[in-house]
Amino acid sequence: MDGAAGLTALLDSVNAEDTEGFLDAFTDDAVVDDDGQFYQGLLQIAEWNTRRVIGLHVRLRPVPAPGGGLLVEVRAAGTVERSRVTAHWRLDRVEHLEVRAVPAE
């Protein structure tokens, strides 16, 4: 699986609230950097997922990103925000996921 297909699968698992599929997308020692808050390993990523992702019933939609990369529209609890998502892969799993909020235009 290439990076684009992997990120699409990751977004799809969030939108389907498929926690098992979401966690299966990461290596056992993966790191998530969510705006400077770090979560390492599947246990911490699972806790982050419960507090900040699937646990909040977020919905993600990729949107065109100026300058390349992946920009996602994040909908949760009536709010809409945008984040830039960058993933580094080891084989077919995410080794490092970086999420950065994008200021409103």
Protein backbone atom coordinates (compact mmCIF):
# COMPACT_ATOMS: atom_id res chain seq x y z
CA MET A 1 0.00 0.00 0.00
CA ASP A 2 1.40 3.41 -0.90
CA GLY A 3 1.15 6.51 1.27
CA ALA A 4 -1.88 8.00 -0.49
CA ALA A 5 -3.85 4.75 -0.32
CA GLY A 6 -2.78 4.25 3.29
CA LEU A 7 -3.92 7.72 4.32
CA THR A 8 -7.23 7.21 2.53
CA ALA A 9 -7.70 3.94 4.43
CA LEU A 10 -6.83 5.70 7.69
CA LEU A 11 -9.38 8.47 7.02
CA ASP A 12 -11.98 5.87 6.05
CA SER A 13 -11.44 3.99 9.33
CA VAL A 14 -12.00 7.20 11.31
CA ASN A 15 -15.16 8.04 9.38
CA ALA A 16 -16.48 4.49 9.90
CA GLU A 17 -15.53 4.68 13.60
CA ASP A 18 -13.50 1.51 13.05
CA THR A 19 -11.08 1.65 15.98
CA GLU A 20 -9.53 -1.73 15.16
CA GLY A 21 -8.86 -0.69 11.56
CA PHE A 22 -7.52 2.67 12.72
CA LEU A 23 -5.04 1.13 15.16
CA ASP A 24 -4.08 -1.56 12.67
CA ALA A 25 -2.80 1.20 10.37
CA PHE A 26 0.06 1.97 12.82
CA THR A 27 3.29 0.16 13.65
CA ASP A 28 3.56 -1.09 17.23
CA ASP A 29 6.06 1.67 18.06
CA ALA A 30 4.41 4.45 16.04
CA VAL A 31 4.43 8.07 17.17
CA VAL A 32 1.60 10.56 16.74
CA ASP A 33 2.48 14.23 17.04
CA ASP A 34 -0.79 16.14 17.41
CA ASP A 35 0.20 19.81 17.46
CA GLY A 36 3.16 19.10 19.71
CA GLN A 37 1.47 16.54 21.96
CA PHE A 38 3.23 13.20 21.47
CA TYR A 39 1.71 9.72 21.76
CA GLN A 40 3.99 6.72 21.31
CA GLY A 41 3.01 3.10 20.89
CA LEU A 42 -0.38 1.59 20.29
CA LEU A 43 -1.62 2.02 23.86
CA GLN A 44 -1.06 5.79 23.87
CA ILE A 45 -2.35 6.12 20.30
CA ALA A 46 -5.50 4.20 21.32
CA GLU A 47 -6.01 6.61 24.23
CA TRP A 48 -5.47 9.61 21.91
CA ASN A 49 -7.94 8.09 19.48
CA THR A 50 -10.56 7.78 22.23
CA ARG A 51 -10.04 11.35 23.47
CA ARG A 52 -9.44 13.22 20.22
CA VAL A 53 -10.52 11.21 17.19
CA ILE A 54 -13.07 8.39 16.99
CA GLY A 55 -14.18 9.02 20.57
CA LEU A 56 -15.34 12.49 19.47
CA HIS A 57 -17.12 11.05 16.41
CA VAL A 58 -15.04 13.23 14.09
CA ARG A 59 -15.52 13.08 10.36
CA LEU A 60 -12.60 13.72 8.06
CA ARG A 61 -12.64 14.90 4.47
CA PRO A 62 -9.55 15.49 2.33
CA VAL A 63 -9.47 18.93 0.70
CA PRO A 64 -7.09 20.45 -1.87
CA ALA A 65 -3.89 21.63 -0.22
CA PRO A 66 -1.91 24.53 -1.60
CA GLY A 67 1.70 23.43 -1.95
CA GLY A 68 0.91 19.71 -1.83
CA GLY A 69 0.50 17.34 1.08
CA LEU A 70 -2.77 16.33 2.65
CA LEU A 71 -5.15 18.79 4.18
CA VAL A 72 -8.22 17.40 5.95
CA GLU A 73 -11.40 19.06 7.03
CA VAL A 74 -12.21 17.93 10.57
CA ARG A 75 -15.83 18.02 11.69
CA ALA A 76 -16.63 17.38 15.35
CA ALA A 77 -19.31 18.59 17.72
CA GLY A 78 -20.60 21.17 15.26
CA THR A 79 -17.21 22.70 14.50
CA VAL A 80 -15.20 22.56 11.31
CA GLU A 81 -11.43 22.92 11.37
CA ARG A 82 -8.61 22.05 9.02
CA SER A 83 -5.43 20.16 9.76
CA ARG A 84 -2.39 19.26 7.71
CA VAL A 85 -1.61 15.56 8.08
CA THR A 86 1.78 14.08 7.25
CA ALA A 87 2.54 10.39 7.58
CA HIS A 88 5.82 8.51 7.42
CA TRP A 89 5.52 4.85 6.56
CA ARG A 90 7.36 1.66 7.43
CA LEU A 91 6.29 -0.93 4.92
CA ASP A 92 2.50 -0.55 4.85
CA ARG A 93 1.92 1.00 8.28
CA VAL A 94 2.22 4.49 9.74
CA GLU A 95 5.42 4.94 11.72
CA HIS A 96 4.97 8.65 12.43
CA LEU A 97 1.83 10.76 12.04
CA GLU A 98 2.01 14.52 12.34
CA VAL A 99 -1.17 16.60 12.68
CA ARG A 100 -1.00 20.38 12.54
CA ALA A 101 -3.96 22.72 12.86
CA VAL A 102 -4.29 25.14 9.96
CA PRO A 103 -5.36 28.66 10.96
CA ALA A 104 -8.76 29.75 9.66
CA GLU A 105 -8.62 31.91 6.56
